[in-house]
C-alpha atoms as a PDB file:
ATOM      1  CA  MET A   1      66.021  59.498  62.064  1.00  0.00           C
ATOM      2  CA  GLU A   2      68.014  58.873  58.945  1.00  0.00           C
ATOM      3  CA  LYS A   3      66.039  55.974  57.639  1.00  0.00           C
ATOM      4  CA  ALA A   4      62.483  54.706  58.216  1.00  0.00           C
ATOM      5  CA  LYS A   5      60.178  52.614  56.238  1.00  0.00           C
ATOM      6  CA  THR A   6      56.585  53.784  56.021  1.00  0.00           C
ATOM      7  CA  GLU A   7      54.886  50.435  55.425  1.00  0.00           C
ATOM      8  CA  THR A   8      55.687  46.922  56.744  1.00  0.00           C
ATOM      9  CA  THR A   9      54.530  43.440  55.828  1.00  0.00           C
ATOM     10  CA  THR A  10      55.636  41.769  59.011  1.00  0.00           C
ATOM     11  CA  LYS A  11      54.506  42.069  62.658  1.00  0.00           C
ATOM     12  CA  ASN A  12      57.936  41.347  64.040  1.00  0.00           C
ATOM     13  CA  LEU A  13      60.796  43.789  64.888  1.00  0.00           C
ATOM     14  CA  VAL A  14      64.408  43.350  65.985  1.00  0.00           C
ATOM     15  CA  PHE A  15      65.942  46.281  67.807  1.00  0.00           C
ATOM     16  CA  SER A  16      69.598  46.670  68.730  1.00  0.00           C
ATOM     17  CA  SER A  17      72.105  49.314  69.621  1.00  0.00           C
ATOM     18  CA  VAL A  18      74.881  48.488  67.189  1.00  0.00           C
ATOM     19  CA  GLY A  19      78.634  49.241  67.440  1.00  0.00           C
ATOM     20  CA  ASP A  20      81.602  48.610  65.265  1.00  0.00           C
ATOM     21  CA  LYS A  21      82.110  44.992  66.499  1.00  0.00           C
ATOM     22  CA  SER A  22      78.680  43.678  66.096  1.00  0.00           C
ATOM     23  CA  ASN A  23      77.438  40.333  64.886  1.00  0.00           C
ATOM     24  CA  VAL A  24      74.324  41.693  63.327  1.00  0.00           C
ATOM     25  CA  LYS A  25      75.299  40.518  59.785  1.00  0.00           C
ATOM     26  CA  GLN A  26      74.690  36.944  60.946  1.00  0.00           C
ATOM     27  CA  TRP A  27      71.097  37.742  61.815  1.00  0.00           C
ATOM     28  CA  LEU A  28      70.452  38.856  58.292  1.00  0.00           C
ATOM     29  CA  GLU A  29      72.042  36.044  56.188  1.00  0.00           C
ATOM     30  CA  GLY A  30      68.743  34.260  55.392  1.00  0.00           C
ATOM     31  CA  LYS A  31      65.175  35.136  54.608  1.00  0.00           C
ATOM     32  CA  ARG A  32      63.777  36.868  57.629  1.00  0.00           C
ATOM     33  CA  ASN A  33      60.259  37.451  58.957  1.00  0.00           C
ATOM     34  CA  PHE A  34      61.138  40.596  60.832  1.00  0.00           C
ATOM     35  CA  ASP A  35      62.195  44.208  60.302  1.00  0.00           C
ATOM     36  CA  LEU A  36      65.383  45.541  61.759  1.00  0.00           C
ATOM     37  CA  PHE A  37      65.799  48.778  63.698  1.00  0.00           C
ATOM     38  CA  VAL A  38      69.445  49.786  64.151  1.00  0.00           C
ATOM     39  CA  CYS A  39      70.482  52.485  66.545  1.00  0.00           C
ATOM     40  CA  TYR A  40      74.256  52.974  65.693  1.00  0.00           C
ATOM     41  CA  TYR A  41      76.503  54.113  68.486  1.00  0.00           C
ATOM     42  CA  GLY A  42      79.881  53.583  66.734  1.00  0.00           C
ATOM     43  CA  ASP A  43      82.325  56.001  65.303  1.00  0.00           C
ATOM     44  CA  ASN A  44      82.632  54.746  61.652  1.00  0.00           C
ATOM     45  CA  GLU A  45      80.239  53.805  58.903  1.00  0.00           C
ATOM     46  CA  CYS A  46      77.625  51.291  60.171  1.00  0.00           C
ATOM     47  CA  ALA A  47      78.160  47.951  58.410  1.00  0.00           C
ATOM     48  CA  VAL A  48      74.412  47.077  58.366  1.00  0.00           C
ATOM     49  CA  LYS A  49      73.008  50.546  57.638  1.00  0.00           C
ATOM     50  CA  GLU A  50      71.728  49.494  54.202  1.00  0.00           C
ATOM     51  CA  GLN A  51      70.009  46.398  55.531  1.00  0.00           C
ATOM     52  CA  ALA A  52      68.283  48.244  58.356  1.00  0.00           C
ATOM     53  CA  ASP A  53      64.598  49.160  57.874  1.00  0.00           C
ATOM     54  CA  TYR A  54      64.956  51.928  60.556  1.00  0.00           C
ATOM     55  CA  TYR A  55      68.229  53.613  61.253  1.00  0.00           C
ATOM     56  CA  LEU A  56      69.369  56.390  63.615  1.00  0.00           C
ATOM     57  CA  GLU A  57      72.691  57.368  65.169  1.00  0.00           C
ATOM     58  CA  ARG A  58      72.741  57.784  68.927  1.00  0.00           C
ATOM     59  CA  LYS A  59      75.152  56.879  71.619  1.00  0.00           C
ATOM     60  CA  GLY A  60      73.985  54.632  74.442  1.00  0.00           C
ATOM     61  CA  GLY A  61      72.896  51.137  75.362  1.00  0.00           C
ATOM     62  CA  LYS A  62      69.984  49.209  73.857  1.00  0.00           C
ATOM     63  CA  PHE A  63      67.316  49.975  76.415  1.00  0.00           C
ATOM     64  CA  PRO A  64      68.133  53.698  76.821  1.00  0.00           C
ATOM     65  CA  ASN A  65      68.094  53.987  73.051  1.00  0.00           C
ATOM     66  CA  LEU A  66      64.796  52.073  72.855  1.00  0.00           C
ATOM     67  CA  LYS A  67      63.299  54.389  75.508  1.00  0.00           C
ATOM     68  CA  TYR A  68      64.350  57.292  73.135  1.00  0.00           C
ATOM     69  CA  VAL A  69      62.492  55.613  70.236  1.00  0.00           C
ATOM     70  CA  PHE A  70      59.462  54.926  72.478  1.00  0.00           C
ATOM     71  CA  ASP A  71      59.368  58.616  73.587  1.00  0.00           C
ATOM     72  CA  HIS A  72      59.859  60.108  70.014  1.00  0.00           C
ATOM     73  CA  HIS A  73      58.739  57.487  67.498  1.00  0.00           C
ATOM     74  CA  ARG A  74      56.270  55.221  69.373  1.00  0.00           C
ATOM     75  CA  ASP A  75      54.184  54.870  66.250  1.00  0.00           C
ATOM     76  CA  ILE A  76      56.934  52.699  64.843  1.00  0.00           C
ATOM     77  CA  LEU A  77      56.928  50.280  67.737  1.00  0.00           C
ATOM     78  CA  ASP A  78      53.124  50.127  67.635  1.00  0.00           C
ATOM     79  CA  ARG A  79      53.289  48.640  64.172  1.00  0.00           C
ATOM     80  CA  TYR A  80      54.557  45.291  65.569  1.00  0.00           C
ATOM     81  CA  ASP A  81      53.140  42.464  67.612  1.00  0.00           C
ATOM     82  CA  ALA A  82      56.493  41.448  69.083  1.00  0.00           C
ATOM     83  CA  ILE A  83      59.957  43.062  69.504  1.00  0.00           C
ATOM     84  CA  TYR A  84      63.235  41.331  70.005  1.00  0.00           C
ATOM     85  CA  VAL A  85      65.681  43.551  71.928  1.00  0.00           C
ATOM     86  CA  SER A  86      69.162  42.090  71.627  1.00  0.00           C
ATOM     87  CA  ASP A  87      72.803  42.950  72.336  1.00  0.00           C
ATOM     88  CA  ASP A  88      74.603  43.405  69.028  1.00  0.00           C
ATOM     89  CA  ASP A  89      77.192  40.735  69.557  1.00  0.00           C
ATOM     90  CA  ILE A  90      74.803  37.736  70.097  1.00  0.00           C
ATOM     91  CA  GLY A  91      75.477  34.793  67.836  1.00  0.00           C
ATOM     92  CA  ILE A  92      72.179  33.661  66.400  1.00  0.00           C
ATOM     93  CA  THR A  93      70.984  32.912  62.854  1.00  0.00           C
ATOM     94  CA  THR A  94      68.134  34.428  60.863  1.00  0.00           C
ATOM     95  CA  ALA A  95      66.187  31.165  60.964  1.00  0.00           C
ATOM     96  CA  GLU A  96      66.559  30.969  64.845  1.00  0.00           C
ATOM     97  CA  ILE A  97      65.286  34.538  65.201  1.00  0.00           C
ATOM     98  CA  ASN A  98      62.308  33.726  62.915  1.00  0.00           C
ATOM     99  CA  GLN A  99      61.531  30.707  65.040  1.00  0.00           C
ATOM    100  CA  LEU A 100      61.690  32.795  68.315  1.00  0.00           C
ATOM    101  CA  PHE A 101      58.954  35.012  66.957  1.00  0.00           C
ATOM    102  CA  SER A 102      56.832  31.908  65.969  1.00  0.00           C
ATOM    103  CA  ILE A 103      57.310  30.295  69.405  1.00  0.00           C
ATOM    104  CA  ARG A 104      56.281  33.484  71.173  1.00  0.00           C
ATOM    105  CA  GLN A 105      53.042  33.454  69.123  1.00  0.00           C
ATOM    106  CA  GLU A 106      52.545  29.701  69.541  1.00  0.00           C
ATOM    107  CA  PHE A 107      52.539  29.848  73.314  1.00  0.00           C
ATOM    108  CA  ASP A 108      51.248  33.489  73.709  1.00  0.00           C
ATOM    109  CA  LEU A 109      54.235  34.424  75.847  1.00  0.00           C
ATOM    110  CA  TRP A 110      54.753  37.867  77.203  1.00  0.00           C
ATOM    111  CA  VAL A 111      58.562  37.575  77.055  1.00  0.00           C
ATOM    112  CA  LEU A 112      61.070  34.912  76.116  1.00  0.00           C
ATOM    113  CA  GLN A 113      64.779  34.422  75.403  1.00  0.00           C
ATOM    114  CA  PRO A 114      66.846  31.832  73.630  1.00  0.00           C
ATOM    115  CA  ALA A 115      68.841  29.617  75.925  1.00  0.00           C
ATOM    116  CA  PHE A 116      72.663  30.338  76.158  1.00  0.00           C
ATOM    117  CA  SER A 117      75.240  28.046  74.670  1.00  0.00           C
ATOM    118  CA  LEU A 118      77.919  26.655  77.011  1.00  0.00           C
ATOM    119  CA  PHE A 119      80.499  28.045  74.711  1.00  0.00           C
ATOM    120  CA  GLY A 120      79.538  31.563  75.731  1.00  0.00           C
ATOM    121  CA  LYS A 121      79.017  33.623  78.908  1.00  0.00           C
ATOM    122  CA  ILE A 122      76.358  32.429  81.300  1.00  0.00           C
ATOM    123  CA  SER A 123      75.636  34.787  84.130  1.00  0.00           C
ATOM    124  CA  HIS A 124      72.636  32.891  85.515  1.00  0.00           C
ATOM    125  CA  SER A 125      72.554  29.106  85.447  1.00  0.00           C
ATOM    126  CA  ILE A 126      68.826  29.064  84.732  1.00  0.00           C
ATOM    127  CA  THR A 127      69.568  30.486  81.248  1.00  0.00           C
ATOM    128  CA  LYS A 128      71.899  27.611  80.330  1.00  0.00           C
ATOM    129  CA  ARG A 129      70.603  25.388  77.507  1.00  0.00           C
ATOM    130  CA  GLN A 130      68.859  22.141  78.578  1.00  0.00           C
ATOM    131  CA  PRO A 131      68.844  20.121  75.386  1.00  0.00           C
ATOM    132  CA  THR A 132      65.897  17.772  75.924  1.00  0.00           C
ATOM    133  CA  ASN A 133      63.447  20.719  76.324  1.00  0.00           C
ATOM    134  CA  TYR A 134      61.515  22.698  73.749  1.00  0.00           C
ATOM    135  CA  ILE A 135      60.815  25.545  76.152  1.00  0.00           C
ATOM    136  CA  ARG A 136      60.947  26.081  79.927  1.00  0.00           C
ATOM    137  CA  TYR A 137      58.489  28.299  81.653  1.00  0.00           C
ATOM    138  CA  THR A 138      60.465  30.307  84.229  1.00  0.00           C
ATOM    139  CA  ASN A 139      60.117  33.338  86.554  1.00  0.00           C
ATOM    140  CA  PHE A 140      63.316  34.940  85.271  1.00  0.00           C
ATOM    141  CA  LEU A 141      65.183  35.687  82.086  1.00  0.00           C
ATOM    142  CA  GLU A 142      68.120  37.834  81.293  1.00  0.00           C
ATOM    143  CA  VAL A 143      68.427  41.421  79.900  1.00  0.00           C
ATOM    144  CA  THR A 144      70.825  40.289  77.126  1.00  0.00           C
ATOM    145  CA  CYS A 145      68.292  39.258  74.389  1.00  0.00           C
ATOM    146  CA  PRO A 146      64.653  39.204  75.458  1.00  0.00           C
ATOM    147  CA  LEU A 147      61.793  39.045  72.905  1.00  0.00           C
ATOM    148  CA  PHE A 148      58.627  40.783  74.144  1.00  0.00           C
ATOM    149  CA  ARG A 149      54.937  40.924  73.175  1.00  0.00           C
ATOM    150  CA  THR A 150      54.835  44.633  72.291  1.00  0.00           C
ATOM    151  CA  ASP A 151      52.172  45.749  74.684  1.00  0.00           C
ATOM    152  CA  LYS A 152      54.222  44.295  77.573  1.00  0.00           C
ATOM    153  CA  LEU A 153      57.338  45.948  76.330  1.00  0.00           C
ATOM    154  CA  THR A 154      55.665  49.313  76.148  1.00  0.00           C
ATOM    155  CA  GLU A 155      54.247  48.926  79.614  1.00  0.00           C
ATOM    156  CA  PHE A 156      57.817  48.668  80.772  1.00  0.00           C
ATOM    157  CA  LEU A 157      59.113  51.553  78.625  1.00  0.00           C
ATOM    158  CA  ASP A 158      56.407  53.755  79.995  1.00  0.00           C
ATOM    159  CA  VAL A 159      58.042  53.575  83.495  1.00  0.00           C
ATOM    160  CA  TYR A 160      61.642  52.764  82.602  1.00  0.00           C
ATOM    161  CA  ASP A 161      64.350  55.306  83.693  1.00  0.00           C
ATOM    162  CA  PRO A 162      67.218  55.162  81.084  1.00  0.00           C
ATOM    163  CA  SER A 163      69.815  55.970  83.773  1.00  0.00           C
ATOM    164  CA  LEU A 164      69.661  52.241  84.434  1.00  0.00           C
ATOM    165  CA  ILE A 165      71.843  50.423  81.980  1.00  0.00           C
ATOM    166  CA  GLY A 166      72.271  46.720  81.894  1.00  0.00           C
ATOM    167  CA  TYR A 167      72.244  45.263  85.444  1.00  0.00           C
ATOM    168  CA  GLY A 168      68.764  45.209  86.968  1.00  0.00           C
ATOM    169  CA  VAL A 169      66.836  46.058  83.794  1.00  0.00           C
ATOM    170  CA  ASP A 170      65.678  42.420  83.611  1.00  0.00           C
ATOM    171  CA  TRP A 171      64.284  42.533  87.125  1.00  0.00           C
ATOM    172  CA  TRP A 172      62.547  45.756  86.422  1.00  0.00           C
ATOM    173  CA  PHE A 173      60.700  44.578  83.368  1.00  0.00           C
ATOM    174  CA  LEU A 174      59.708  41.355  85.153  1.00  0.00           C
ATOM    175  CA  HIS A 175      58.412  43.468  87.980  1.00  0.00           C
ATOM    176  CA  THR A 176      56.149  45.300  85.546  1.00  0.00           C
ATOM    177  CA  LEU A 177      54.701  42.011  84.342  1.00  0.00           C
ATOM    178  CA  GLY A 178      53.529  41.185  87.876  1.00  0.00           C
ATOM    179  CA  TYR A 179      54.287  38.309  90.227  1.00  0.00           C
ATOM    180  CA  ASN A 180      52.231  35.570  88.573  1.00  0.00           C
ATOM    181  CA  LEU A 181      54.481  34.711  85.625  1.00  0.00           C
ATOM    182  CA  ASP A 182      53.489  31.093  85.069  1.00  0.00           C
ATOM    183  CA  LYS A 183      53.257  30.351  81.333  1.00  0.00           C
ATOM    184  CA  ARG A 184      54.064  33.980  80.544  1.00  0.00           C
ATOM    185  CA  VAL A 185      57.858  33.876  80.593  1.00  0.00           C
ATOM    186  CA  ALA A 186      60.008  31.265  79.000  1.00  0.00           C
ATOM    187  CA  ILE A 187      63.518  30.300  78.019  1.00  0.00           C
ATOM    188  CA  VAL A 188      63.663  28.481  74.651  1.00  0.00           C
ATOM    189  CA  ASP A 189      66.002  25.531  74.895  1.00  0.00           C
ATOM    190  CA  ALA A 190      65.288  24.423  71.291  1.00  0.00           C
ATOM    191  CA  ILE A 191      67.210  27.611  70.155  1.00  0.00           C
ATOM    192  CA  SER A 192      70.416  28.474  71.748  1.00  0.00           C
ATOM    193  CA  CYS A 193      72.507  31.548  71.071  1.00  0.00           C
ATOM    194  CA  LEU A 194      76.161  32.435  71.802  1.00  0.00           C
ATOM    195  CA  ASN A 195      76.696  35.310  74.278  1.00  0.00           C
ATOM    196  CA  PRO A 196      80.421  36.064  73.734  1.00  0.00           C
ATOM    197  CA  ARG A 197      82.698  35.838  76.730  1.00  0.00           C
ATOM    198  CA  ASP A 198      84.480  38.967  77.871  1.00  0.00           C
ATOM    199  CA  ASP A 199      87.911  37.497  77.146  1.00  0.00           C
ATOM    200  CA  VAL A 200      86.914  36.831  73.528  1.00  0.00           C
ATOM    201  CA  LYS A 201      86.073  40.587  73.266  1.00  0.00           C
ATOM    202  CA  GLY A 202      89.448  41.641  74.544  1.00  0.00           C
ATOM    203  CA  GLY A 203      88.528  41.508  78.237  1.00  0.00           C
ATOM    204  CA  THR A 204      86.407  44.593  78.271  1.00  0.00           C
ATOM    205  CA  ARG A 205      82.675  45.095  77.834  1.00  0.00           C
ATOM    206  CA  GLU A 206      81.368  47.892  75.695  1.00  0.00           C
ATOM    207  CA  ILE A 207      78.765  48.671  78.293  1.00  0.00           C
ATOM    208  CA  ALA A 208      81.694  49.706  80.544  1.00  0.00           C
ATOM    209  CA  SER A 209      82.280  52.631  78.214  1.00  0.00           C
ATOM    210  CA  LEU A 210      78.729  53.859  78.930  1.00  0.00           C
ATOM    211  CA  GLN A 211      78.727  53.373  82.667  1.00  0.00           C
ATOM    212  CA  SER A 212      81.196  51.748  85.110  1.00  0.00           C
ATOM    213  CA  ASN A 213      80.163  48.492  86.844  1.00  0.00           C
ATOM    214  CA  HIS A 214      80.236  50.299  90.226  1.00  0.00           C
ATOM    215  CA  LYS A 215      77.964  53.060  88.767  1.00  0.00           C
ATOM    216  CA  ARG A 216      75.552  50.479  87.334  1.00  0.00           C
ATOM    217  CA  MET A 217      75.282  48.684  90.633  1.00  0.00           C
ATOM    218  CA  LYS A 218      74.687  51.927  92.580  1.00  0.00           C
ATOM    219  CA  GLU A 219      72.078  53.004  90.072  1.00  0.00           C
ATOM    220  CA  TRP A 220      70.274  49.603  90.391  1.00  0.00           C
ATOM    221  CA  ASP A 221      70.252  50.052  94.254  1.00  0.00           C
ATOM    222  CA  ARG A 222      68.722  53.476  93.813  1.00  0.00           C
ATOM    223  CA  VAL A 223      66.090  52.322  91.238  1.00  0.00           C
ATOM    224  CA  SER A 224      65.063  49.171  93.136  1.00  0.00           C
ATOM    225  CA  ASP A 225      64.536  51.235  96.316  1.00  0.00           C
ATOM    226  CA  THR A 226      62.637  53.909  94.536  1.00  0.00           C
ATOM    227  CA  TYR A 227      60.279  51.507  92.726  1.00  0.00           C
ATOM    228  CA  ASP A 228      60.259  48.778  95.287  1.00  0.00           C
ATOM    229  CA  ILE A 229      61.575  46.164  92.832  1.00  0.00           C
ATOM    230  CA  LYS A 230      62.337  42.859  94.439  1.00  0.00           C
ATOM    231  CA  GLU A 231      64.608  40.054  93.262  1.00  0.00           C
ATOM    232  CA  TRP A 232      63.310  36.528  93.822  1.00  0.00           C
ATOM    233  CA  PRO A 233      64.761  32.962  93.585  1.00  0.00           C
ATOM    234  CA  LYS A 234      64.983  31.999  89.966  1.00  0.00           C
ATOM    235  CA  GLN A 235      62.770  28.944  89.185  1.00  0.00           C
ATOM    236  CA  THR A 236      61.664  26.706  86.437  1.00  0.00           C
ATOM    237  CA  LEU A 237      57.857  26.675  86.664  1.00  0.00           C
ATOM    238  CA  GLY A 238      57.119  24.064  83.871  1.00  0.00           C
ATOM    239  CA  VAL A 239      58.646  22.372  80.860  1.00  0.00           C
ATOM    240  CA  VAL A 240      57.570  21.462  77.348  1.00  0.00           C
ATOM    241  CA  LYS A 241      59.751  18.579  76.222  1.00  0.00           C
ATOM    242  CA  LEU A 242      60.931  17.840  72.692  1.00  0.00           C
ATOM    243  CA  PRO A 243      59.571  14.632  71.146  1.00  0.00           C
ATOM    244  CA  LEU A 244      61.724  11.707  72.168  1.00  0.00           C
ATOM    245  CA  ALA A 245      63.465  11.277  68.732  1.00  0.00           C
ATOM    246  CA  GLN A 246      64.411  15.104  68.844  1.00  0.00           C
ATOM    247  CA  GLN A 247      65.542  14.730  72.434  1.00  0.00           C
ATOM    248  CA  LEU A 248      68.042  12.020  71.498  1.00  0.00           C
ATOM    249  CA  GLN A 249      69.292  14.033  68.521  1.00  0.00           C
ATOM    250  CA  ALA A 250      69.665  17.154  70.624  1.00  0.00           C
ATOM    251  CA  ILE A 251      71.649  15.295  73.249  1.00  0.00           C
ATOM    252  CA  ARG A 252      73.983  13.833  70.642  1.00  0.00           C
ATOM    253  CA  GLN A 253      74.606  17.398  69.345  1.00  0.00           C
ATOM    254  CA  TRP A 254      74.994  18.938  72.823  1.00  0.00           C
ATOM    255  CA  TRP A 255      77.329  16.160  74.325  1.00  0.00           C
ATOM    256  CA  PRO A 256      80.527  17.239  72.468  1.00  0.00           C
ATOM    257  CA  GLU A 257      79.891  20.859  73.436  1.00  0.00           C
ATOM    258  CA  TYR A 258      79.549  19.876  77.108  1.00  0.00           C
ATOM    259  CA  TYR A 259      82.798  17.905  77.161  1.00  0.00           C
ATOM    260  CA  GLN A 260      84.732  20.502  75.274  1.00  0.00           C
ATOM    261  CA  ILE A 261      83.803  23.016  77.855  1.00  0.00           C
ATOM    262  CA  LYS A 262      84.770  20.721  80.647  1.00  0.00           C
ATOM    263  CA  ILE A 263      88.143  20.141  79.040  1.00  0.00           C
ATOM    264  CA  ILE A 264      88.681  23.872  78.398  1.00  0.00           C
ATOM    265  CA  ASN A 265      87.826  24.734  82.040  1.00  0.00           C
ATOM    266  CA  ARG A 266      90.167  22.056  83.277  1.00  0.00           C
ATOM    267  CA  ILE A 267      93.013  23.506  81.273  1.00  0.00           C
ATOM    268  CA  LYS A 268      92.242  26.929  82.533  1.00  0.00           C
ATOM    269  CA  ARG A 269      92.324  25.730  86.100  1.00  0.00           C
ATOM    270  CA  LYS A 270      95.726  24.033  85.535  1.00  0.00           C
ATOM    271  CA  LEU A 271      97.122  27.157  83.977  1.00  0.00           C
ATOM    272  CA  LYS A 272      96.050  29.203  86.883  1.00  0.00           C
ATOM    273  CA  LEU A 273      97.565  26.755  89.394  1.00  0.00           C
ATOM    274  CA  GLY A 274     100.749  26.597  87.352  1.00  0.00           C
END
């Protein structure tokens, strides 16, 4: 490891595998209540190396690299109460990350994620932002940017096989939490992040350079059979609403976003038909 702080004044850690097209600078533009662990997989000079509290260079996706850190530097992870494990291209501010850590502590959640903005990619409809809510208790969240209570993350890393990259990792860590997830797993609608669409990134995903989509699916089939990991219907188990005044404000802010997306999708359909 090229860089590692020996003391910390915070109990929150952000971990990411960072390439040369990352959005990590946005995460660091304000006063933060978290330390940053960067695992750089690019081929140039890492743009956020000086701002990282921990830094190493290693090829690979975020969970395989986090597994490496768990195996070789677990003492670092054990310093923290909560760890946010995010793709490096997620659009989210420092203040929003700070608030995610506060919400996890407020509700004593095992794992949470920010809701996804309509302007970005949404792979599962349950992760789409619902603007009148503060949080939603769910039985599912996505692998893209989960925030864990540290002991629950290390339980998963203890059994995780890093040959599984991306697809299925979310089901695996949910499986390790057990089947009674009520009030333990949540999507935070009060905070939405932007998960960039593939076409914005040039039509290709960086994860494809690590492992093809076909290989990722085959690996998930193998792992799910080996460990008897089941997928289940995604459900909302409960909701904490925003106060009424904040609901109205959130709807006013969300409404233009909703209609812009409808117009963009309509134009795309017409272009395809044309």
